[in-house]
C-alpha cells in the first residue's frame, strides 16, 4: 500500500472510531434523559453526575441528561417502571428483587433492564456508639437489651437491609420497641448529629468505601463496626446478598476485618430505551473505567470483565447491552 493511501486509511479508521458511539445511537433528534440516583452529596449522586458527563458528548445536539437526587435502590426501579426515569442506579440485590417481584416488590417490574453490573462494592455496615457497650447483635437479643436504632426512611434499600439483618437475629422493629428501645427513620445527615448528642446507639446501612456519612461519623465520634454471625450471613445470602469481609482500615478506626454481606451498584435502564443508546452507554462505561475511577474512589472495584455477570446485573440485560457484550466476548 502506498504511503499516501496508508495515511488516508489510518485517518479514516480514527475518524470512524470517534464517531462510532454516536452512530450507534442512530438518532438525530435531541434526547431528554433522566438518571435516578439518591440524595445530593451521596456516592450515587456523584456516580450519576460522572456517568452523565461521559454520555453527553455522545448524544445528539440539544440533548439533556438530568441527574435526579432520588430515589435509592428500591425507588429507582419503580421510577423506571412508571416511566419517570430512563436510567437508574441500583444494587444487584434490589434489582433482582424488582425483576422477580420479591422482598421489597409485590410483583415483577417488567420494564427494568440491566446495562452494567459490579460498579463498586457496598457492605451492610452495623455501627454502634463505643459508649453503648454493645459488642455484638447477639448481646442485644440474648439480654433483651434496650437500644436506640437509626435507619434511613422507610422503603429504601438500606432500610430493607436493616430489617433483614434484624430478622436474621430473630429481632424486628417491634421487638426493639417491646424491649424498651426505639427505632428512628431519619435522613443521613441527621445520623451524625444523633450520635454526637447521645440519642442513638446504632445505625445500620449499606455503605461503600469513602461513604460520606461514615467518614463524618468516624471523624466526630467514636463508633465500632459489628461483625455479622455466620448464621446471619447464611440467611442474608439466601435473600440475594453476597458473603463478604470488609478489609481492615476500609473505614477509620476499623482495624480488623469485619465479616458481613455485600451488594454491588449496577446501572439499569428502561426496556423502552433505544437499543443504540443502551449499546453506546454500556460501551462507554465498560471501556472508560479510568475516567470512572476519577469520579469516585469506590469505583476502583469495577471490573469491566464482569460487567455482564448475571449475578452482578441482577436482571435481564437490555438488548443493546447484550449486543455489546456479545460482540466483545464478555457474554456467551
Protein backbone atom coordinates (compact mmCIF):
# COMPACT_ATOMS: atom_id res chain seq x y z
CA UNK A 1 0.00 0.00 0.00
CA UNK A 2 1.42 3.39 -0.96
CA UNK A 3 2.23 5.85 1.81
CA UNK A 4 -0.49 8.33 0.82
CA UNK A 5 -3.08 5.59 0.67
CA UNK A 6 -1.96 4.21 4.04
CA UNK A 7 -2.20 7.65 5.66
CA UNK A 8 -5.69 8.15 4.30
CA UNK A 9 -6.69 4.71 5.59
CA UNK A 10 -5.39 5.46 9.11
CA UNK A 11 -7.24 8.79 9.19
CA UNK A 12 -10.43 7.03 8.13
CA UNK A 13 -10.09 4.39 10.86
CA UNK A 14 -9.52 7.03 13.55
CA UNK A 15 -12.46 9.08 12.34
CA UNK A 16 -14.73 6.06 12.36
CA UNK A 17 -13.67 5.17 15.90
CA UNK A 18 -14.52 8.67 17.09
CA UNK A 19 -17.99 8.70 15.58
CA UNK A 20 -18.76 5.05 16.25
CA UNK A 21 -20.50 5.64 19.54
CA UNK A 22 -22.63 8.44 18.09
CA UNK A 23 -23.54 6.31 15.08
CA UNK A 24 -24.70 3.52 17.38
CA UNK A 25 -27.40 5.81 18.75
CA UNK A 26 -28.77 6.22 15.22
CA UNK A 27 -30.91 9.20 16.12
CA UNK A 28 -30.62 12.88 15.21
CA UNK A 29 -33.39 14.26 17.40
CA UNK A 30 -32.43 15.55 20.86
CA UNK A 31 -32.88 13.09 23.70
CA UNK A 32 -34.03 14.07 27.17
CA UNK A 33 -32.90 11.51 29.71
CA UNK A 34 -33.37 11.24 33.46
CA UNK A 35 -30.87 9.31 35.55
CA UNK A 36 -32.16 8.37 39.01
CA UNK A 37 -29.61 8.17 41.84
CA UNK A 38 -30.22 9.08 45.50
CA UNK A 39 -29.73 12.16 47.72
CA UNK A 40 -27.49 15.11 46.97
CA UNK A 41 -23.95 14.56 48.20
CA UNK A 42 -24.28 10.77 48.11
CA UNK A 43 -21.86 8.47 46.30
CA UNK A 44 -24.57 7.56 43.81
CA UNK A 45 -25.31 11.17 43.00
CA UNK A 46 -21.62 11.66 42.21
CA UNK A 47 -21.66 8.50 40.11
CA UNK A 48 -24.66 9.81 38.21
CA UNK A 49 -23.02 13.15 37.51
CA UNK A 50 -19.92 11.37 36.23
CA UNK A 51 -21.87 8.99 34.00
CA UNK A 52 -23.85 11.91 32.60
CA UNK A 53 -20.65 13.81 31.77
CA UNK A 54 -19.32 10.80 29.85
CA UNK A 55 -22.53 10.30 27.90
CA UNK A 56 -23.43 13.90 27.00
CA UNK A 57 -20.83 14.29 24.20
CA UNK A 58 -22.19 11.17 22.51
CA UNK A 59 -25.80 12.36 22.35
CA UNK A 60 -27.45 14.30 19.51
CA UNK A 61 -27.12 18.07 19.71
CA UNK A 62 -29.59 19.66 22.11
CA UNK A 63 -29.92 16.54 24.29
CA UNK A 64 -30.08 16.73 28.09
CA UNK A 65 -29.42 14.37 30.99
CA UNK A 66 -30.96 15.27 34.32
CA UNK A 67 -29.34 13.58 37.32
CA UNK A 68 -32.18 13.06 39.80
CA UNK A 69 -31.33 13.07 43.54
CA UNK A 70 -33.92 10.32 44.10
CA UNK A 71 -34.99 7.58 44.97
CA UNK A 72 -32.48 4.91 46.03
CA UNK A 73 -32.08 1.20 45.43
CA UNK A 74 -35.78 0.35 45.76
CA UNK A 75 -37.41 3.52 44.48
CA UNK A 76 -35.29 3.80 41.34
CA UNK A 77 -36.62 0.55 39.92
CA UNK A 78 -40.14 1.87 40.46
CA UNK A 79 -39.24 5.11 38.64
CA UNK A 80 -38.10 3.07 35.64
CA UNK A 81 -41.29 1.03 35.66
CA UNK A 82 -43.51 4.13 35.87
CA UNK A 83 -41.62 5.95 33.11
CA UNK A 84 -40.33 8.69 35.42
CA UNK A 85 -36.70 7.85 34.61
CA UNK A 86 -34.92 6.23 31.69
CA UNK A 87 -31.71 5.30 33.55
CA UNK A 88 -31.07 4.45 37.18
CA UNK A 89 -28.53 3.22 39.66
CA UNK A 90 -29.41 0.34 41.94
CA UNK A 91 -27.96 -2.62 43.77
CA UNK A 92 -27.76 -6.01 42.13
CA UNK A 93 -29.66 -7.44 45.11
CA UNK A 94 -32.53 -4.93 44.88
CA UNK A 95 -32.64 -5.17 41.08
CA UNK A 96 -33.00 -8.91 41.46
CA UNK A 97 -35.90 -8.35 43.85
CA UNK A 98 -37.52 -5.92 41.37
CA UNK A 99 -37.30 -8.30 38.44
CA UNK A 100 -38.51 -11.28 40.46
CA UNK A 101 -41.19 -9.41 42.36
CA UNK A 102 -39.92 -10.38 45.81
CA UNK A 103 -38.88 -8.89 49.17
CA UNK A 104 -39.50 -5.16 48.53
CA UNK A 105 -41.69 -5.64 45.44
CA UNK A 106 -45.17 -7.11 45.28
CA UNK A 107 -44.85 -8.04 41.60
CA UNK A 108 -42.10 -8.16 38.95
CA UNK A 109 -41.23 -4.88 37.20
CA UNK A 110 -41.01 -5.93 33.53
CA UNK A 111 -39.51 -2.68 32.21
CA UNK A 112 -36.31 -2.97 34.26
CA UNK A 113 -33.33 -3.99 32.10
CA UNK A 114 -29.67 -4.28 33.05
CA UNK A 115 -26.80 -2.35 31.46
CA UNK A 116 -23.65 -2.60 33.61
CA UNK A 117 -23.08 -4.59 36.79
CA UNK A 118 -20.48 -4.54 39.54
CA UNK A 119 -19.59 -0.84 39.58
CA UNK A 120 -18.44 -0.98 43.21
CA UNK A 121 -18.92 -2.85 46.48
CA UNK A 122 -21.41 -1.83 49.17
CA UNK A 123 -21.39 -3.56 52.54
CA UNK A 124 -24.06 -3.84 55.18
CA UNK A 125 -22.47 -1.89 57.99
CA UNK A 126 -23.60 -2.16 61.60
CA UNK A 127 -22.20 0.82 63.51
CA UNK A 128 -22.62 1.25 67.26
CA UNK A 129 -21.52 4.02 69.58
CA UNK A 130 -18.47 2.99 71.60
CA UNK A 131 -20.13 4.30 74.77
CA UNK A 132 -23.11 1.92 74.25
CA UNK A 133 -21.03 -1.09 75.29
CA UNK A 134 -22.63 -3.15 72.52
CA UNK A 135 -20.15 -5.66 71.06
CA UNK A 136 -22.49 -7.98 69.13
CA UNK A 137 -26.09 -8.06 67.93
CA UNK A 138 -26.49 -11.36 69.80
CA UNK A 139 -25.85 -9.41 73.00
CA UNK A 140 -28.90 -7.23 72.36
CA UNK A 141 -31.08 -10.21 71.50
CA UNK A 142 -29.98 -12.53 74.32
CA UNK A 143 -30.06 -9.89 77.06
CA UNK A 144 -33.18 -8.22 75.63
CA UNK A 145 -31.14 -5.05 75.92
CA UNK A 146 -32.87 -1.74 75.12
CA UNK A 147 -31.14 0.16 72.36
CA UNK A 148 -31.85 3.09 70.08
CA UNK A 149 -31.55 2.26 66.40
CA UNK A 150 -31.27 4.65 63.48
CA UNK A 151 -32.01 3.76 59.89
CA UNK A 152 -32.93 5.63 56.75
CA UNK A 153 -36.55 6.48 55.80
CA UNK A 154 -38.90 3.57 55.14
CA UNK A 155 -38.66 1.91 51.75
CA UNK A 156 -35.01 2.42 50.84
CA UNK A 157 -32.61 -0.44 50.14
CA UNK A 158 -30.64 0.38 53.28
CA UNK A 159 -33.82 0.28 55.34
CA UNK A 160 -34.78 -3.12 53.90
CA UNK A 161 -31.25 -4.28 54.70
CA UNK A 162 -31.75 -3.15 58.29
CA UNK A 163 -34.94 -5.17 58.60
CA UNK A 164 -33.26 -8.22 57.10
CA UNK A 165 -30.30 -8.00 59.48
CA UNK A 166 -32.60 -7.76 62.49
CA UNK A 167 -34.69 -10.68 61.23
CA UNK A 168 -31.55 -12.79 60.80
CA UNK A 169 -31.06 -12.39 64.55
CA UNK A 170 -34.70 -13.01 65.44
CA UNK A 171 -35.44 -9.33 66.02
CA UNK A 172 -37.61 -6.66 64.40
CA UNK A 173 -38.59 -3.02 64.87
CA UNK A 174 -41.47 -4.14 67.07
CA UNK A 175 -39.15 -6.37 69.11
CA UNK A 176 -36.87 -3.42 69.79
CA UNK A 177 -39.77 -1.26 70.94
CA UNK A 178 -41.23 -4.03 73.10
CA UNK A 179 -37.92 -4.27 74.95
CA UNK A 180 -37.61 -0.58 75.77
CA UNK A 181 -35.74 0.67 72.72
CA UNK A 182 -36.75 2.81 69.77
CA UNK A 183 -36.28 2.99 66.01
CA UNK A 184 -35.98 6.27 64.13
CA UNK A 185 -36.08 6.64 60.36
CA UNK A 186 -34.06 9.76 59.64
CA UNK A 187 -32.09 11.36 56.84
CA UNK A 188 -28.41 10.61 56.51
CA UNK A 189 -27.05 13.98 57.81
CA UNK A 190 -29.15 13.74 60.98
CA UNK A 191 -27.50 10.42 61.77
CA UNK A 192 -24.23 12.08 62.70
CA UNK A 193 -25.97 14.61 64.96
CA UNK A 194 -27.84 11.84 66.78
CA UNK A 195 -24.60 10.03 67.58
CA UNK A 196 -22.98 13.27 68.69
CA UNK A 197 -25.77 14.25 71.07
CA UNK A 198 -26.02 10.73 72.52
CA UNK A 199 -29.56 9.94 71.35
CA UNK A 200 -28.56 6.96 69.18
CA UNK A 201 -26.80 3.68 69.92
CA UNK A 202 -26.69 2.04 66.49
CA UNK A 203 -27.01 2.70 62.77
CA UNK A 204 -27.40 0.03 60.09
CA UNK A 205 -26.98 0.92 56.44
CA UNK A 206 -25.41 -0.07 53.11
CA UNK A 207 -22.07 1.72 52.85
CA UNK A 208 -19.21 1.88 50.37
CA UNK A 209 -15.57 2.89 50.60
CA UNK A 210 -15.45 6.63 51.26
CA UNK A 211 -19.15 6.81 52.20
CA UNK A 212 -19.70 10.45 53.27
CA UNK A 213 -21.80 9.71 56.36
CA UNK A 214 -19.39 7.07 57.64
CA UNK A 215 -16.50 9.43 57.01
CA UNK A 216 -18.16 12.15 59.06
CA UNK A 217 -19.41 9.76 61.72
CA UNK A 218 -15.97 8.27 62.35
CA UNK A 219 -14.42 11.73 62.42
CA UNK A 220 -16.64 13.40 65.01
CA UNK A 221 -17.43 10.45 67.29
CA UNK A 222 -16.13 7.01 68.23
CA UNK A 223 -18.01 4.07 66.75
CA UNK A 224 -17.47 0.32 66.48
CA UNK A 225 -18.37 -1.86 63.49
CA UNK A 226 -20.05 -5.12 64.46
CA UNK A 227 -19.45 -8.35 62.52
CA UNK A 228 -22.37 -10.49 61.39
CA UNK A 229 -22.52 -14.08 62.59
CA UNK A 230 -22.14 -16.98 60.16
CA UNK A 231 -25.77 -17.93 60.77
CA UNK A 232 -26.98 -14.41 59.99
CA UNK A 233 -24.79 -14.23 56.88
CA UNK A 234 -26.23 -17.51 55.60
CA UNK A 235 -29.76 -16.15 55.98
CA UNK A 236 -28.88 -12.94 54.12
CA UNK A 237 -27.10 -14.79 51.31
CA UNK A 238 -30.30 -16.78 50.76
CA UNK A 239 -32.02 -13.45 50.02
CA UNK A 240 -29.52 -12.40 47.35
CA UNK A 241 -26.70 -10.78 49.31
CA UNK A 242 -23.09 -11.87 48.84
CA UNK A 243 -20.84 -13.18 51.60
CA UNK A 244 -18.09 -10.61 52.26
CA UNK A 245 -15.40 -9.41 54.62
CA UNK A 246 -14.70 -5.70 54.99
CA UNK A 247 -10.90 -5.36 54.78
CA UNK A 248 -9.12 -3.71 57.72
CA UNK A 249 -8.90 0.08 57.56
CA UNK A 250 -11.66 0.41 54.97
CA UNK A 251 -13.20 2.85 57.44
CA UNK A 252 -11.49 5.00 60.05
CA UNK A 253 -10.95 3.14 63.31
CA UNK A 254 -11.82 -0.25 61.77
CA UNK A 255 -8.52 -2.06 62.26
CA UNK A 256 -9.77 -5.66 61.98
CA UNK A 257 -11.60 -7.48 59.18
CA UNK A 258 -15.38 -7.44 59.61
CA UNK A 259 -17.48 -10.38 58.30
CA UNK A 260 -20.70 -9.17 56.68
CA UNK A 261 -22.53 -9.31 53.36
CA UNK A 262 -22.28 -7.08 50.33
CA UNK A 263 -24.00 -5.98 47.17
CA UNK A 264 -22.80 -4.01 44.17
CA UNK A 265 -24.06 -0.95 42.37
CA UNK A 266 -25.39 -1.51 38.87
CA UNK A 267 -26.74 0.72 36.14
CA UNK A 268 -30.06 -0.27 34.64
CA UNK A 269 -32.50 1.20 32.17
CA UNK A 270 -36.00 1.09 30.83
CA UNK A 271 -36.77 -1.57 28.25
CA UNK A 272 -38.06 1.37 26.18
CA UNK A 273 -34.58 2.94 25.94
CA UNK A 274 -33.43 2.83 22.28
CA UNK A 275 -31.17 -0.14 21.63
CA UNK A 276 -28.44 2.00 20.10
CA UNK A 277 -28.33 4.27 23.12
CA UNK A 278 -28.14 1.31 25.51
CA UNK A 279 -25.29 -0.09 23.42
CA UNK A 280 -23.40 3.22 23.49
CA UNK A 281 -23.80 3.77 27.21
CA UNK A 282 -22.70 0.22 28.00
CA UNK A 283 -19.67 0.61 25.74
CA UNK A 284 -18.68 3.92 27.33
CA UNK A 285 -18.76 2.65 30.90
CA UNK A 286 -17.02 -0.63 30.17
CA UNK A 287 -14.27 0.99 28.12
CA UNK A 288 -13.74 4.12 30.23
CA UNK A 289 -13.00 2.62 33.62
CA UNK A 290 -10.09 5.03 34.15
CA UNK A 291 -12.41 8.01 33.76
CA UNK A 292 -14.99 6.42 36.07
CA UNK A 293 -12.50 5.94 38.90
CA UNK A 294 -11.80 9.68 38.79
CA UNK A 295 -15.47 10.26 39.63
CA UNK A 296 -15.34 8.40 42.96
CA UNK A 297 -12.70 6.24 44.66
CA UNK A 298 -15.20 3.43 45.31
CA UNK A 299 -15.42 2.79 41.56
CA UNK A 300 -11.92 1.30 41.74
CA UNK A 301 -13.65 -2.03 42.40
CA UNK A 302 -15.33 -2.02 38.97
CA UNK A 303 -14.09 -4.94 36.86
CA UNK A 304 -15.25 -4.47 33.23
CA UNK A 305 -14.71 -8.17 32.54
CA UNK A 306 -17.57 -8.94 34.97
CA UNK A 307 -19.91 -6.15 33.88
CA UNK A 308 -22.28 -8.65 32.22
CA UNK A 309 -22.20 -11.18 35.07
CA UNK A 310 -25.87 -12.13 35.66
CA UNK A 311 -25.37 -12.04 39.44
CA UNK A 312 -23.95 -8.50 39.31
CA UNK A 313 -26.51 -7.23 36.78
CA UNK A 314 -29.40 -8.68 38.75
CA UNK A 315 -31.92 -8.88 35.91
CA UNK A 316 -32.34 -9.41 32.18
CA UNK A 317 -29.93 -7.37 30.06
CA UNK A 318 -31.20 -4.64 27.76
CA UNK A 319 -30.94 -5.76 24.13
CA UNK A 320 -28.40 -3.02 23.39
CA UNK A 321 -26.18 -4.01 26.30
CA UNK A 322 -26.44 -7.67 25.37
CA UNK A 323 -25.35 -6.92 21.81
CA UNK A 324 -22.28 -5.04 23.04
CA UNK A 325 -21.24 -7.78 25.47
CA UNK A 326 -21.61 -10.49 22.83
CA UNK A 327 -19.53 -8.50 20.34
CA UNK A 328 -16.76 -8.15 22.93
CA UNK A 329 -16.88 -11.77 24.03
CA UNK A 330 -17.99 -10.85 27.55
CA UNK A 331 -21.22 -12.81 27.23
CA UNK A 332 -21.64 -16.27 25.78
